[in-house]
Amino acid sequence: MKLKIDENLPSGCVGILRGGGFEADTVADECLTGTDDSAIAARCRAEGRVLITLDLDFANIRAYPPTEYAGIIILRSKKQDKHSVLTLVHRIALVLTNRAPAGELWIAEPDRIRFRNG
């Protein structure tokens, strides 16, 4: 599974996901830092990559219909410190081994993951 890590996530996310056997790259790897959300979404769609982000704009299913993407995963935590975010990414990596988010929007919270189809 191919993943794209948004610029608002710590670099440690890449190591966690690659360690789980996923192909993960970052927005920064592709020199897309500061790029408009729509351009990042278009790149994810073109590459067939699942976007992992903290950016709630991607939860807007009218602007970013999940069925048009390999998947969108929004991380939601009461705290957005590095430890909390990396803990959520560990959880996501475990779930991704059993379920692909193709055509879905996932909202990952500390105590649950909500799945929404297009």
N, C-alpha and C. Protein backbone atom coordinates (compact mmCIF):
# COMPACT_ATOMS: atom_id res chain seq x y z
N MET A 1 0.85 -1.17 0.00
CA MET A 1 0.00 0.00 0.00
C MET A 1 0.90 1.24 0.00
N LYS A 2 0.50 2.22 -0.80
CA LYS A 2 1.28 3.45 -0.91
C LYS A 2 0.60 4.56 -0.09
N LEU A 3 1.40 5.26 0.69
CA LEU A 3 0.90 6.30 1.58
C LEU A 3 1.64 7.61 1.35
N LYS A 4 0.94 8.71 1.56
CA LYS A 4 1.58 10.03 1.54
C LYS A 4 1.33 10.68 2.89
N ILE A 5 2.42 11.13 3.52
CA ILE A 5 2.36 11.75 4.84
C ILE A 5 2.38 13.26 4.66
N ASP A 6 1.36 13.92 5.16
CA ASP A 6 1.25 15.37 5.01
C ASP A 6 2.34 16.08 5.81
N GLU A 7 2.58 17.31 5.44
CA GLU A 7 3.66 18.09 6.07
C GLU A 7 3.39 18.43 7.53
N ASN A 8 2.14 18.30 7.98
CA ASN A 8 1.82 18.65 9.36
C ASN A 8 2.05 17.50 10.34
N LEU A 9 2.63 16.41 9.86
CA LEU A 9 2.91 15.26 10.71
C LEU A 9 4.41 15.14 10.97
N PRO A 10 4.79 14.61 12.14
CA PRO A 10 6.21 14.46 12.45
C PRO A 10 6.88 13.46 11.51
N SER A 11 8.16 13.67 11.26
CA SER A 11 8.90 12.80 10.35
C SER A 11 8.95 11.35 10.83
N GLY A 12 8.80 11.13 12.12
CA GLY A 12 8.80 9.77 12.66
C GLY A 12 7.68 8.89 12.12
N CYS A 13 6.64 9.51 11.57
CA CYS A 13 5.52 8.75 11.00
C CYS A 13 6.00 7.87 9.85
N VAL A 14 6.91 8.41 9.05
CA VAL A 14 7.41 7.68 7.89
C VAL A 14 8.09 6.39 8.33
N GLY A 15 8.93 6.47 9.35
CA GLY A 15 9.62 5.28 9.85
C GLY A 15 8.67 4.23 10.37
N ILE A 16 7.64 4.65 11.07
CA ILE A 16 6.65 3.71 11.59
C ILE A 16 5.97 2.98 10.45
N LEU A 17 5.54 3.72 9.44
CA LEU A 17 4.80 3.13 8.33
C LEU A 17 5.69 2.27 7.44
N ARG A 18 6.89 2.75 7.17
CA ARG A 18 7.82 1.92 6.38
C ARG A 18 8.20 0.67 7.13
N GLY A 19 8.36 0.78 8.44
CA GLY A 19 8.65 -0.38 9.27
C GLY A 19 7.52 -1.40 9.25
N GLY A 20 6.31 -0.94 8.99
CA GLY A 20 5.15 -1.82 8.87
C GLY A 20 5.00 -2.42 7.49
N GLY A 21 5.94 -2.11 6.62
CA GLY A 21 5.91 -2.69 5.28
C GLY A 21 5.20 -1.86 4.24
N PHE A 22 4.90 -0.62 4.57
CA PHE A 22 4.18 0.24 3.62
C PHE A 22 5.16 1.14 2.86
N GLU A 23 4.77 1.50 1.66
CA GLU A 23 5.54 2.46 0.88
C GLU A 23 5.04 3.85 1.27
N ALA A 24 5.85 4.58 2.01
CA ALA A 24 5.42 5.89 2.52
C ALA A 24 6.38 6.96 2.06
N ASP A 25 5.81 8.05 1.55
CA ASP A 25 6.63 9.22 1.26
C ASP A 25 5.94 10.43 1.87
N THR A 26 6.63 11.54 1.87
CA THR A 26 6.09 12.74 2.50
C THR A 26 5.88 13.84 1.48
N VAL A 27 5.04 14.77 1.85
CA VAL A 27 4.83 15.96 1.03
C VAL A 27 6.17 16.67 0.84
N ALA A 28 6.98 16.71 1.90
CA ALA A 28 8.28 17.37 1.82
C ALA A 28 9.22 16.64 0.86
N ASP A 29 9.17 15.29 0.81
CA ASP A 29 10.01 14.52 -0.10
C ASP A 29 9.81 14.96 -1.54
N GLU A 30 8.61 15.37 -1.85
CA GLU A 30 8.27 15.75 -3.23
C GLU A 30 8.28 17.26 -3.43
N CYS A 31 8.86 17.98 -2.47
CA CYS A 31 8.94 19.45 -2.55
C CYS A 31 7.57 20.09 -2.72
N LEU A 32 6.59 19.55 -2.00
CA LEU A 32 5.23 20.09 -2.06
C LEU A 32 4.86 20.86 -0.79
N THR A 33 5.84 21.11 0.07
CA THR A 33 5.59 21.83 1.31
C THR A 33 4.99 23.20 0.99
N GLY A 34 3.90 23.53 1.66
CA GLY A 34 3.24 24.81 1.44
C GLY A 34 2.29 24.83 0.26
N THR A 35 2.18 23.69 -0.42
CA THR A 35 1.31 23.59 -1.59
C THR A 35 -0.15 23.55 -1.16
N ASP A 36 -1.00 24.05 -1.98
CA ASP A 36 -2.44 24.05 -1.75
C ASP A 36 -2.96 22.62 -1.56
N ASP A 37 -3.96 22.47 -0.68
CA ASP A 37 -4.54 21.16 -0.40
C ASP A 37 -5.01 20.45 -1.66
N SER A 38 -5.61 21.19 -2.57
CA SER A 38 -6.13 20.55 -3.79
C SER A 38 -5.01 19.95 -4.63
N ALA A 39 -3.85 20.58 -4.64
CA ALA A 39 -2.71 20.04 -5.40
C ALA A 39 -2.18 18.77 -4.73
N ILE A 40 -2.15 18.75 -3.42
CA ILE A 40 -1.71 17.55 -2.69
C ILE A 40 -2.71 16.42 -2.94
N ALA A 41 -3.99 16.73 -2.88
CA ALA A 41 -5.01 15.72 -3.14
C ALA A 41 -4.89 15.18 -4.56
N ALA A 42 -4.65 16.05 -5.52
CA ALA A 42 -4.50 15.62 -6.91
C ALA A 42 -3.30 14.70 -7.07
N ARG A 43 -2.21 15.01 -6.39
CA ARG A 43 -1.01 14.17 -6.46
C ARG A 43 -1.29 12.80 -5.85
N CYS A 44 -1.98 12.78 -4.71
CA CYS A 44 -2.33 11.50 -4.08
C CYS A 44 -3.20 10.67 -5.02
N ARG A 45 -4.16 11.31 -5.65
CA ARG A 45 -5.04 10.59 -6.57
C ARG A 45 -4.25 10.03 -7.75
N ALA A 46 -3.38 10.86 -8.33
CA ALA A 46 -2.59 10.43 -9.49
C ALA A 46 -1.66 9.28 -9.15
N GLU A 47 -1.11 9.28 -7.94
CA GLU A 47 -0.16 8.25 -7.52
C GLU A 47 -0.83 7.06 -6.85
N GLY A 48 -2.13 7.15 -6.61
CA GLY A 48 -2.83 6.08 -5.91
C GLY A 48 -2.38 5.92 -4.48
N ARG A 49 -2.08 7.05 -3.83
CA ARG A 49 -1.59 7.04 -2.45
C ARG A 49 -2.69 7.43 -1.48
N VAL A 50 -2.67 6.81 -0.32
CA VAL A 50 -3.54 7.15 0.79
C VAL A 50 -2.91 8.35 1.49
N LEU A 51 -3.69 9.40 1.69
CA LEU A 51 -3.20 10.59 2.39
C LEU A 51 -3.45 10.43 3.89
N ILE A 52 -2.41 10.69 4.68
CA ILE A 52 -2.53 10.72 6.14
C ILE A 52 -2.19 12.13 6.58
N THR A 53 -3.10 12.76 7.32
CA THR A 53 -2.96 14.18 7.65
C THR A 53 -3.67 14.54 8.95
N LEU A 54 -3.34 15.70 9.47
CA LEU A 54 -4.07 16.31 10.58
C LEU A 54 -5.07 17.36 10.07
N ASP A 55 -5.01 17.66 8.80
CA ASP A 55 -5.77 18.75 8.18
C ASP A 55 -7.24 18.37 8.00
N LEU A 56 -8.11 19.01 8.78
CA LEU A 56 -9.55 18.72 8.72
C LEU A 56 -10.20 19.11 7.40
N ASP A 57 -9.55 19.94 6.60
CA ASP A 57 -10.12 20.31 5.31
C ASP A 57 -10.37 19.06 4.46
N PHE A 58 -9.53 18.05 4.61
CA PHE A 58 -9.68 16.83 3.83
C PHE A 58 -10.86 15.98 4.29
N ALA A 59 -11.50 16.33 5.39
CA ALA A 59 -12.70 15.63 5.85
C ALA A 59 -13.95 16.13 5.13
N ASN A 60 -13.81 17.18 4.35
CA ASN A 60 -14.93 17.72 3.57
C ASN A 60 -15.16 16.80 2.37
N ILE A 61 -16.18 15.94 2.47
CA ILE A 61 -16.39 14.95 1.42
C ILE A 61 -16.94 15.55 0.12
N ARG A 62 -17.40 16.77 0.18
CA ARG A 62 -17.82 17.43 -1.07
C ARG A 62 -16.60 17.91 -1.84
N ALA A 63 -15.63 18.42 -1.13
CA ALA A 63 -14.40 18.89 -1.78
C ALA A 63 -13.48 17.73 -2.14
N TYR A 64 -13.45 16.71 -1.29
CA TYR A 64 -12.57 15.56 -1.47
C TYR A 64 -13.37 14.27 -1.31
N PRO A 65 -14.17 13.92 -2.32
CA PRO A 65 -15.00 12.71 -2.21
C PRO A 65 -14.12 11.46 -2.03
N PRO A 66 -14.29 10.74 -0.95
CA PRO A 66 -13.42 9.59 -0.67
C PRO A 66 -13.36 8.57 -1.80
N THR A 67 -14.46 8.40 -2.52
CA THR A 67 -14.48 7.40 -3.60
C THR A 67 -13.49 7.72 -4.72
N GLU A 68 -13.01 8.94 -4.77
CA GLU A 68 -12.06 9.34 -5.82
C GLU A 68 -10.61 9.15 -5.40
N TYR A 69 -10.38 8.62 -4.21
CA TYR A 69 -9.02 8.51 -3.67
C TYR A 69 -8.72 7.09 -3.20
N ALA A 70 -7.44 6.81 -3.07
CA ALA A 70 -7.01 5.52 -2.51
C ALA A 70 -7.34 5.46 -1.02
N GLY A 71 -7.71 6.59 -0.47
CA GLY A 71 -8.09 6.70 0.93
C GLY A 71 -7.59 8.00 1.53
N ILE A 72 -8.32 8.50 2.50
CA ILE A 72 -7.93 9.69 3.25
C ILE A 72 -8.05 9.34 4.73
N ILE A 73 -6.98 9.57 5.46
CA ILE A 73 -6.97 9.28 6.90
C ILE A 73 -6.65 10.57 7.64
N ILE A 74 -7.60 11.01 8.47
CA ILE A 74 -7.43 12.21 9.28
C ILE A 74 -7.13 11.77 10.71
N LEU A 75 -6.06 12.27 11.26
CA LEU A 75 -5.71 11.98 12.65
C LEU A 75 -6.29 13.06 13.55
N ARG A 76 -7.07 12.63 14.54
CA ARG A 76 -7.71 13.56 15.48
C ARG A 76 -7.34 13.16 16.89
N SER A 77 -6.73 14.06 17.58
CA SER A 77 -6.34 13.79 18.96
C SER A 77 -6.55 15.06 19.77
N LYS A 78 -6.88 14.90 21.04
CA LYS A 78 -7.03 16.08 21.90
C LYS A 78 -5.72 16.84 21.98
N LYS A 79 -4.62 16.07 21.97
CA LYS A 79 -3.29 16.68 21.96
C LYS A 79 -2.66 16.37 20.60
N GLN A 80 -1.96 17.33 20.05
CA GLN A 80 -1.28 17.08 18.78
C GLN A 80 0.24 17.11 18.96
N ASP A 81 0.67 16.72 20.17
CA ASP A 81 2.11 16.63 20.41
C ASP A 81 2.65 15.40 19.67
N LYS A 82 3.95 15.35 19.52
CA LYS A 82 4.60 14.29 18.74
C LYS A 82 4.23 12.91 19.24
N HIS A 83 4.28 12.69 20.54
CA HIS A 83 3.98 11.37 21.10
C HIS A 83 2.55 10.93 20.76
N SER A 84 1.59 11.82 20.92
CA SER A 84 0.18 11.47 20.64
C SER A 84 -0.03 11.13 19.17
N VAL A 85 0.58 11.91 18.30
CA VAL A 85 0.44 11.67 16.86
C VAL A 85 1.10 10.35 16.47
N LEU A 86 2.29 10.09 16.96
CA LEU A 86 2.98 8.85 16.62
C LEU A 86 2.22 7.63 17.15
N THR A 87 1.58 7.77 18.31
CA THR A 87 0.76 6.69 18.85
C THR A 87 -0.40 6.38 17.92
N LEU A 88 -1.05 7.43 17.40
CA LEU A 88 -2.14 7.22 16.45
C LEU A 88 -1.65 6.56 15.17
N VAL A 89 -0.48 6.96 14.70
CA VAL A 89 0.07 6.37 13.48
C VAL A 89 0.38 4.89 13.70
N HIS A 90 0.85 4.53 14.87
CA HIS A 90 1.06 3.10 15.19
C HIS A 90 -0.26 2.34 15.07
N ARG A 91 -1.32 2.91 15.61
CA ARG A 91 -2.65 2.27 15.53
C ARG A 91 -3.09 2.11 14.09
N ILE A 92 -2.90 3.18 13.31
CA ILE A 92 -3.29 3.15 11.90
C ILE A 92 -2.51 2.06 11.17
N ALA A 93 -1.21 1.96 11.42
CA ALA A 93 -0.38 0.95 10.76
C ALA A 93 -0.92 -0.46 11.02
N LEU A 94 -1.35 -0.71 12.25
CA LEU A 94 -1.91 -2.03 12.59
C LEU A 94 -3.21 -2.28 11.82
N VAL A 95 -4.07 -1.29 11.76
CA VAL A 95 -5.34 -1.45 11.06
C VAL A 95 -5.11 -1.63 9.57
N LEU A 96 -4.14 -0.90 9.02
CA LEU A 96 -3.86 -0.98 7.58
C LEU A 96 -3.38 -2.37 7.15
N THR A 97 -2.87 -3.16 8.08
CA THR A 97 -2.45 -4.51 7.71
C THR A 97 -3.64 -5.42 7.43
N ASN A 98 -4.83 -5.03 7.92
CA ASN A 98 -6.03 -5.85 7.75
C ASN A 98 -7.12 -5.20 6.90
N ARG A 99 -7.01 -3.91 6.67
CA ARG A 99 -8.07 -3.21 5.96
C ARG A 99 -7.48 -2.06 5.16
N ALA A 100 -7.87 -1.98 3.90
CA ALA A 100 -7.43 -0.88 3.04
C ALA A 100 -8.48 0.22 3.05
N PRO A 101 -8.06 1.47 3.04
CA PRO A 101 -9.02 2.57 3.09
C PRO A 101 -9.52 3.02 1.72
N ALA A 102 -9.33 2.22 0.68
CA ALA A 102 -9.71 2.62 -0.67
C ALA A 102 -11.15 3.13 -0.71
N GLY A 103 -11.31 4.35 -1.20
CA GLY A 103 -12.63 4.96 -1.32
C GLY A 103 -13.26 5.35 0.00
N GLU A 104 -12.47 5.42 1.06
CA GLU A 104 -13.01 5.73 2.37
C GLU A 104 -12.29 6.91 3.02
N LEU A 105 -13.00 7.56 3.91
CA LEU A 105 -12.44 8.57 4.79
C LEU A 105 -12.39 7.94 6.17
N TRP A 106 -11.19 7.93 6.77
CA TRP A 106 -11.03 7.43 8.13
C TRP A 106 -10.73 8.60 9.05
N ILE A 107 -11.40 8.63 10.18
CA ILE A 107 -11.09 9.60 11.23
C ILE A 107 -10.54 8.79 12.40
N ALA A 108 -9.23 8.93 12.62
CA ALA A 108 -8.56 8.15 13.67
C ALA A 108 -8.46 8.99 14.94
N GLU A 109 -9.07 8.49 15.99
CA GLU A 109 -9.04 9.14 17.29
C GLU A 109 -8.34 8.20 18.27
N PRO A 110 -7.94 8.69 19.43
CA PRO A 110 -7.22 7.83 20.38
C PRO A 110 -7.98 6.56 20.77
N ASP A 111 -9.30 6.61 20.83
CA ASP A 111 -10.07 5.46 21.29
C ASP A 111 -10.87 4.73 20.22
N ARG A 112 -10.83 5.25 18.97
CA ARG A 112 -11.60 4.60 17.90
C ARG A 112 -11.16 5.13 16.54
N ILE A 113 -11.57 4.40 15.51
CA ILE A 113 -11.40 4.86 14.14
C ILE A 113 -12.76 4.79 13.49
N ARG A 114 -13.19 5.93 12.97
CA ARG A 114 -14.49 5.97 12.26
C ARG A 114 -14.22 5.82 10.77
N PHE A 115 -14.99 4.98 10.11
CA PHE A 115 -14.84 4.72 8.69
C PHE A 115 -16.06 5.27 7.97
N ARG A 116 -15.80 6.03 6.91
CA ARG A 116 -16.92 6.59 6.15
C ARG A 116 -16.67 6.32 4.67
N ASN A 117 -17.64 5.68 4.05
CA ASN A 117 -17.57 5.47 2.61
C ASN A 117 -18.02 6.74 1.91
N GLY A 118 -17.65 6.85 0.65
CA GLY A 118 -17.99 8.03 -0.14
C GLY A 118 -19.43 8.39 -0.07
